[in-house]
Amino acid sequence: MLRERTGLSLDLRYIVDVDFTHARRLGLSEKLYCKSLAQALADPKVSVVVELIGGTTIARKTIEQALAAGKHVVTANQGSGWRSRAGTLRTGPEEPGSRRLRGKLRGGIRSSAPFTTA
Protein backbone atom coordinates (compact mmCIF):
# COMPACT_ATOMS: atom_id res chain seq x y z
CA MET A 1 0.00 0.00 0.00
CA LEU A 2 2.82 2.43 0.86
CA ARG A 3 4.47 1.85 -2.51
CA GLU A 4 1.16 2.32 -4.35
CA ARG A 5 0.39 5.61 -2.61
CA THR A 6 3.85 7.17 -2.37
CA GLY A 7 6.16 5.29 -4.69
CA LEU A 8 8.31 4.45 -1.66
CA SER A 9 9.16 1.01 -0.38
CA LEU A 10 10.34 -0.12 3.01
CA ASP A 11 12.63 -3.04 3.65
CA LEU A 12 12.35 -4.55 7.12
CA ARG A 13 15.95 -5.25 8.15
CA TYR A 14 15.65 -6.13 11.85
CA ILE A 15 13.16 -7.10 14.50
CA VAL A 16 14.87 -6.15 17.76
CA ASP A 17 13.45 -7.80 20.85
CA VAL A 18 14.36 -10.04 23.77
CA ASP A 19 11.52 -12.49 23.05
CA PHE A 20 10.44 -13.39 19.53
CA THR A 21 7.33 -15.41 20.44
CA HIS A 22 4.96 -12.87 18.91
CA ALA A 23 7.12 -12.45 15.78
CA ARG A 24 7.08 -16.22 15.31
CA ARG A 25 3.29 -16.31 15.65
CA LEU A 26 3.08 -13.66 12.94
CA GLY A 27 5.29 -15.77 10.69
CA LEU A 28 8.05 -13.17 10.44
CA SER A 29 11.37 -14.48 9.18
CA GLU A 30 13.84 -15.53 11.86
CA LYS A 31 16.59 -13.98 9.69
CA LEU A 32 15.29 -10.61 10.91
CA TYR A 33 15.54 -11.43 14.64
CA CYS A 34 18.17 -9.44 16.52
CA LYS A 35 18.63 -9.02 20.26
CA SER A 36 21.05 -6.09 19.89
CA LEU A 37 19.67 -2.61 19.31
CA ALA A 38 23.25 -1.37 18.92
CA GLN A 39 23.78 -3.77 16.01
CA ALA A 40 20.65 -2.55 14.23
CA LEU A 41 21.52 1.12 14.82
CA ALA A 42 25.08 0.61 13.54
CA ASP A 43 23.79 -0.65 10.19
CA PRO A 44 24.14 2.22 7.68
CA LYS A 45 21.27 0.76 5.64
CA VAL A 46 18.88 1.45 8.54
CA SER A 47 17.51 4.97 8.25
CA VAL A 48 14.20 4.66 10.13
CA VAL A 49 13.46 3.00 13.47
CA VAL A 50 9.86 2.10 14.28
CA GLU A 51 9.43 1.92 18.06
CA LEU A 52 6.61 -0.42 19.09
CA ILE A 53 7.59 -1.08 22.70
CA GLY A 54 5.30 1.31 24.55
CA GLY A 55 5.78 2.47 28.10
CA THR A 56 8.16 5.10 29.34
CA THR A 57 11.53 3.59 30.22
CA ILE A 58 12.88 1.21 27.60
CA ALA A 59 10.90 2.90 24.83
CA ARG A 60 12.34 6.31 25.68
CA LYS A 61 15.91 4.96 25.81
CA THR A 62 15.37 3.25 22.46
CA ILE A 63 14.09 6.47 20.89
CA GLU A 64 16.99 8.50 22.33
CA GLN A 65 19.56 5.96 21.11
CA ALA A 66 18.02 5.90 17.64
CA LEU A 67 18.00 9.70 17.40
CA ALA A 68 21.58 9.88 18.69
CA ALA A 69 22.55 7.42 15.95
CA GLY A 70 21.05 9.79 13.38
CA LYS A 71 18.02 7.62 12.61
CA HIS A 72 14.50 8.85 12.00
CA VAL A 73 12.00 7.49 14.52
CA VAL A 74 8.36 6.57 14.07
CA THR A 75 6.38 6.03 17.27
CA ALA A 76 2.84 6.26 18.52
CA ASN A 77 4.14 6.21 22.08
CA GLN A 78 2.77 9.13 24.05
CA GLY A 79 4.41 8.10 27.31
CA SER A 80 8.07 8.48 26.41
CA GLY A 81 8.51 11.87 28.02
CA TRP A 82 7.91 14.55 25.41
CA ARG A 83 5.07 15.94 27.50
CA SER A 84 7.35 16.27 30.50
CA ARG A 85 9.73 18.43 28.46
CA ALA A 86 7.24 20.89 27.01
CA GLY A 87 6.69 18.78 23.94
CA THR A 88 10.32 18.10 23.06
CA LEU A 89 12.54 15.06 23.37
CA ARG A 90 16.20 15.91 22.78
CA THR A 91 19.28 13.81 22.44
CA GLY A 92 21.69 16.58 23.29
CA PRO A 93 22.14 20.34 23.55
CA GLU A 94 20.87 22.49 20.72
CA GLU A 95 23.97 22.79 18.61
CA PRO A 96 24.79 21.89 15.02
CA GLY A 97 24.03 18.24 14.47
CA SER A 98 21.65 17.83 17.38
CA ARG A 99 18.31 16.22 16.61
CA ARG A 100 14.94 16.85 18.17
CA LEU A 101 11.45 15.51 17.97
CA ARG A 102 8.25 17.45 18.30
CA GLY A 103 4.87 15.80 18.19
CA LYS A 104 1.22 16.58 18.67
CA LEU A 105 -1.90 14.48 18.75
CA ARG A 106 -4.11 15.12 15.76
CA GLY A 107 -7.33 13.14 15.63
CA GLY A 108 -5.89 10.46 17.90
CA ILE A 109 -2.86 9.89 15.66
CA ARG A 110 0.55 11.09 16.75
CA SER A 111 2.12 13.17 14.05
CA SER A 112 5.70 14.33 14.34
CA ALA A 113 7.29 17.16 12.46
CA PRO A 114 10.39 16.21 10.51
CA PHE A 115 13.55 15.98 12.54
CA THR A 116 15.53 19.16 12.34
CA THR A 117 19.13 20.13 12.85
CA ALA A 118 19.57 22.94 15.35
C-alpha atoms as a PDB file:
ATOM      1  CA  MET A   1       0.000   0.000   0.000  1.00  0.00           C
ATOM      2  CA  LEU A   2       2.818   2.432   0.857  1.00  0.00           C
ATOM      3  CA  ARG A   3       4.468   1.854  -2.509  1.00  0.00           C
ATOM      4  CA  GLU A   4       1.163   2.323  -4.348  1.00  0.00           C
ATOM      5  CA  ARG A   5       0.385   5.608  -2.607  1.00  0.00           C
ATOM      6  CA  THR A   6       3.846   7.166  -2.366  1.00  0.00           C
ATOM      7  CA  GLY A   7       6.163   5.292  -4.688  1.00  0.00           C
ATOM      8  CA  LEU A   8       8.313   4.451  -1.659  1.00  0.00           C
ATOM      9  CA  SER A   9       9.156   1.007  -0.383  1.00  0.00           C
ATOM     10  CA  LEU A  10      10.335  -0.118   3.008  1.00  0.00           C
ATOM     11  CA  ASP A  11      12.633  -3.041   3.645  1.00  0.00           C
ATOM     12  CA  LEU A  12      12.353  -4.548   7.116  1.00  0.00           C
ATOM     13  CA  ARG A  13      15.950  -5.248   8.151  1.00  0.00           C
ATOM     14  CA  TYR A  14      15.654  -6.133  11.854  1.00  0.00           C
ATOM     15  CA  ILE A  15      13.157  -7.100  14.502  1.00  0.00           C
ATOM     16  CA  VAL A  16      14.868  -6.155  17.755  1.00  0.00           C
ATOM     17  CA  ASP A  17      13.447  -7.797  20.845  1.00  0.00           C
ATOM     18  CA  VAL A  18      14.355 -10.044  23.768  1.00  0.00           C
ATOM     19  CA  ASP A  19      11.519 -12.488  23.054  1.00  0.00           C
ATOM     20  CA  PHE A  20      10.437 -13.393  19.526  1.00  0.00           C
ATOM     21  CA  THR A  21       7.329 -15.414  20.436  1.00  0.00           C
ATOM     22  CA  HIS A  22       4.964 -12.872  18.912  1.00  0.00           C
ATOM     23  CA  ALA A  23       7.121 -12.450  15.784  1.00  0.00           C
ATOM     24  CA  ARG A  24       7.083 -16.225  15.311  1.00  0.00           C
ATOM     25  CA  ARG A  25       3.287 -16.314  15.652  1.00  0.00           C
ATOM     26  CA  LEU A  26       3.076 -13.660  12.940  1.00  0.00           C
ATOM     27  CA  GLY A  27       5.287 -15.772  10.690  1.00  0.00           C
ATOM     28  CA  LEU A  28       8.054 -13.167  10.444  1.00  0.00           C
ATOM     29  CA  SER A  29      11.370 -14.483   9.184  1.00  0.00           C
ATOM     30  CA  GLU A  30      13.843 -15.531  11.858  1.00  0.00           C
ATOM     31  CA  LYS A  31      16.586 -13.982   9.688  1.00  0.00           C
ATOM     32  CA  LEU A  32      15.293 -10.609  10.914  1.00  0.00           C
ATOM     33  CA  TYR A  33      15.535 -11.431  14.638  1.00  0.00           C
ATOM     34  CA  CYS A  34      18.166  -9.440  16.523  1.00  0.00           C
ATOM     35  CA  LYS A  35      18.632  -9.015  20.264  1.00  0.00           C
ATOM     36  CA  SER A  36      21.053  -6.089  19.887  1.00  0.00           C
ATOM     37  CA  LEU A  37      19.665  -2.612  19.308  1.00  0.00           C
ATOM     38  CA  ALA A  38      23.246  -1.368  18.919  1.00  0.00           C
ATOM     39  CA  GLN A  39      23.781  -3.769  16.010  1.00  0.00           C
ATOM     40  CA  ALA A  40      20.651  -2.551  14.230  1.00  0.00           C
ATOM     41  CA  LEU A  41      21.523   1.118  14.822  1.00  0.00           C
ATOM     42  CA  ALA A  42      25.077   0.606  13.544  1.00  0.00           C
ATOM     43  CA  ASP A  43      23.793  -0.649  10.191  1.00  0.00           C
ATOM     44  CA  PRO A  44      24.144   2.222   7.678  1.00  0.00           C
ATOM     45  CA  LYS A  45      21.269   0.763   5.641  1.00  0.00           C
ATOM     46  CA  VAL A  46      18.879   1.451   8.544  1.00  0.00           C
ATOM     47  CA  SER A  47      17.513   4.967   8.254  1.00  0.00           C
ATOM     48  CA  VAL A  48      14.199   4.663  10.127  1.00  0.00           C
ATOM     49  CA  VAL A  49      13.457   2.998  13.468  1.00  0.00           C
ATOM     50  CA  VAL A  50       9.859   2.097  14.281  1.00  0.00           C
ATOM     51  CA  GLU A  51       9.427   1.921  18.064  1.00  0.00           C
ATOM     52  CA  LEU A  52       6.611  -0.423  19.093  1.00  0.00           C
ATOM     53  CA  ILE A  53       7.595  -1.079  22.704  1.00  0.00           C
ATOM     54  CA  GLY A  54       5.303   1.305  24.547  1.00  0.00           C
ATOM     55  CA  GLY A  55       5.778   2.467  28.105  1.00  0.00           C
ATOM     56  CA  THR A  56       8.159   5.102  29.336  1.00  0.00           C
ATOM     57  CA  THR A  57      11.526   3.588  30.221  1.00  0.00           C
ATOM     58  CA  ILE A  58      12.885   1.211  27.596  1.00  0.00           C
ATOM     59  CA  ALA A  59      10.901   2.900  24.832  1.00  0.00           C
ATOM     60  CA  ARG A  60      12.341   6.315  25.680  1.00  0.00           C
ATOM     61  CA  LYS A  61      15.905   4.959  25.811  1.00  0.00           C
ATOM     62  CA  THR A  62      15.370   3.249  22.463  1.00  0.00           C
ATOM     63  CA  ILE A  63      14.094   6.473  20.893  1.00  0.00           C
ATOM     64  CA  GLU A  64      16.989   8.498  22.331  1.00  0.00           C
ATOM     65  CA  GLN A  65      19.559   5.964  21.109  1.00  0.00           C
ATOM     66  CA  ALA A  66      18.018   5.903  17.636  1.00  0.00           C
ATOM     67  CA  LEU A  67      18.005   9.695  17.402  1.00  0.00           C
ATOM     68  CA  ALA A  68      21.575   9.877  18.692  1.00  0.00           C
ATOM     69  CA  ALA A  69      22.550   7.418  15.948  1.00  0.00           C
ATOM     70  CA  GLY A  70      21.052   9.789  13.376  1.00  0.00           C
ATOM     71  CA  LYS A  71      18.022   7.618  12.614  1.00  0.00           C
ATOM     72  CA  HIS A  72      14.502   8.849  12.000  1.00  0.00           C
ATOM     73  CA  VAL A  73      11.997   7.494  14.525  1.00  0.00           C
ATOM     74  CA  VAL A  74       8.361   6.570  14.069  1.00  0.00           C
ATOM     75  CA  THR A  75       6.385   6.027  17.267  1.00  0.00           C
ATOM     76  CA  ALA A  76       2.836   6.256  18.520  1.00  0.00           C
ATOM     77  CA  ASN A  77       4.142   6.210  22.082  1.00  0.00           C
ATOM     78  CA  GLN A  78       2.770   9.132  24.053  1.00  0.00           C
ATOM     79  CA  GLY A  79       4.409   8.097  27.307  1.00  0.00           C
ATOM     80  CA  SER A  80       8.074   8.484  26.413  1.00  0.00           C
ATOM     81  CA  GLY A  81       8.506  11.867  28.016  1.00  0.00           C
ATOM     82  CA  TRP A  82       7.909  14.545  25.411  1.00  0.00           C
ATOM     83  CA  ARG A  83       5.068  15.941  27.502  1.00  0.00           C
ATOM     84  CA  SER A  84       7.349  16.271  30.498  1.00  0.00           C
ATOM     85  CA  ARG A  85       9.728  18.426  28.465  1.00  0.00           C
ATOM     86  CA  ALA A  86       7.236  20.885  27.010  1.00  0.00           C
ATOM     87  CA  GLY A  87       6.686  18.780  23.941  1.00  0.00           C
ATOM     88  CA  THR A  88      10.319  18.103  23.062  1.00  0.00           C
ATOM     89  CA  LEU A  89      12.545  15.062  23.365  1.00  0.00           C
ATOM     90  CA  ARG A  90      16.199  15.907  22.780  1.00  0.00           C
ATOM     91  CA  THR A  91      19.284  13.810  22.438  1.00  0.00           C
ATOM     92  CA  GLY A  92      21.686  16.584  23.291  1.00  0.00           C
ATOM     93  CA  PRO A  93      22.140  20.335  23.554  1.00  0.00           C
ATOM     94  CA  GLU A  94      20.871  22.485  20.718  1.00  0.00           C
ATOM     95  CA  GLU A  95      23.966  22.793  18.605  1.00  0.00           C
ATOM     96  CA  PRO A  96      24.795  21.890  15.017  1.00  0.00           C
ATOM     97  CA  GLY A  97      24.033  18.237  14.466  1.00  0.00           C
ATOM     98  CA  SER A  98      21.645  17.832  17.383  1.00  0.00           C
ATOM     99  CA  ARG A  99      18.312  16.217  16.612  1.00  0.00           C
ATOM    100  CA  ARG A 100      14.944  16.851  18.168  1.00  0.00           C
ATOM    101  CA  LEU A 101      11.448  15.508  17.968  1.00  0.00           C
ATOM    102  CA  ARG A 102       8.251  17.450  18.303  1.00  0.00           C
ATOM    103  CA  GLY A 103       4.874  15.802  18.191  1.00  0.00           C
ATOM    104  CA  LYS A 104       1.223  16.581  18.671  1.00  0.00           C
ATOM    105  CA  LEU A 105      -1.901  14.483  18.746  1.00  0.00           C
ATOM    106  CA  ARG A 106      -4.113  15.119  15.757  1.00  0.00           C
ATOM    107  CA  GLY A 107      -7.327  13.144  15.634  1.00  0.00           C
ATOM    108  CA  GLY A 108      -5.895  10.459  17.900  1.00  0.00           C
ATOM    109  CA  ILE A 109      -2.861   9.889  15.663  1.00  0.00           C
ATOM    110  CA  ARG A 110       0.555  11.090  16.753  1.00  0.00           C
ATOM    111  CA  SER A 111       2.118  13.170  14.053  1.00  0.00           C
ATOM    112  CA  SER A 112       5.696  14.329  14.338  1.00  0.00           C
ATOM    113  CA  ALA A 113       7.287  17.156  12.465  1.00  0.00           C
ATOM    114  CA  PRO A 114      10.387  16.207  10.506  1.00  0.00           C
ATOM    115  CA  PHE A 115      13.549  15.982  12.541  1.00  0.00           C
ATOM    116  CA  THR A 116      15.528  19.163  12.336  1.00  0.00           C
ATOM    117  CA  THR A 117      19.126  20.133  12.845  1.00  0.00           C
ATOM    118  CA  ALA A 118      19.571  22.939  15.349  1.00  0.00           C
END
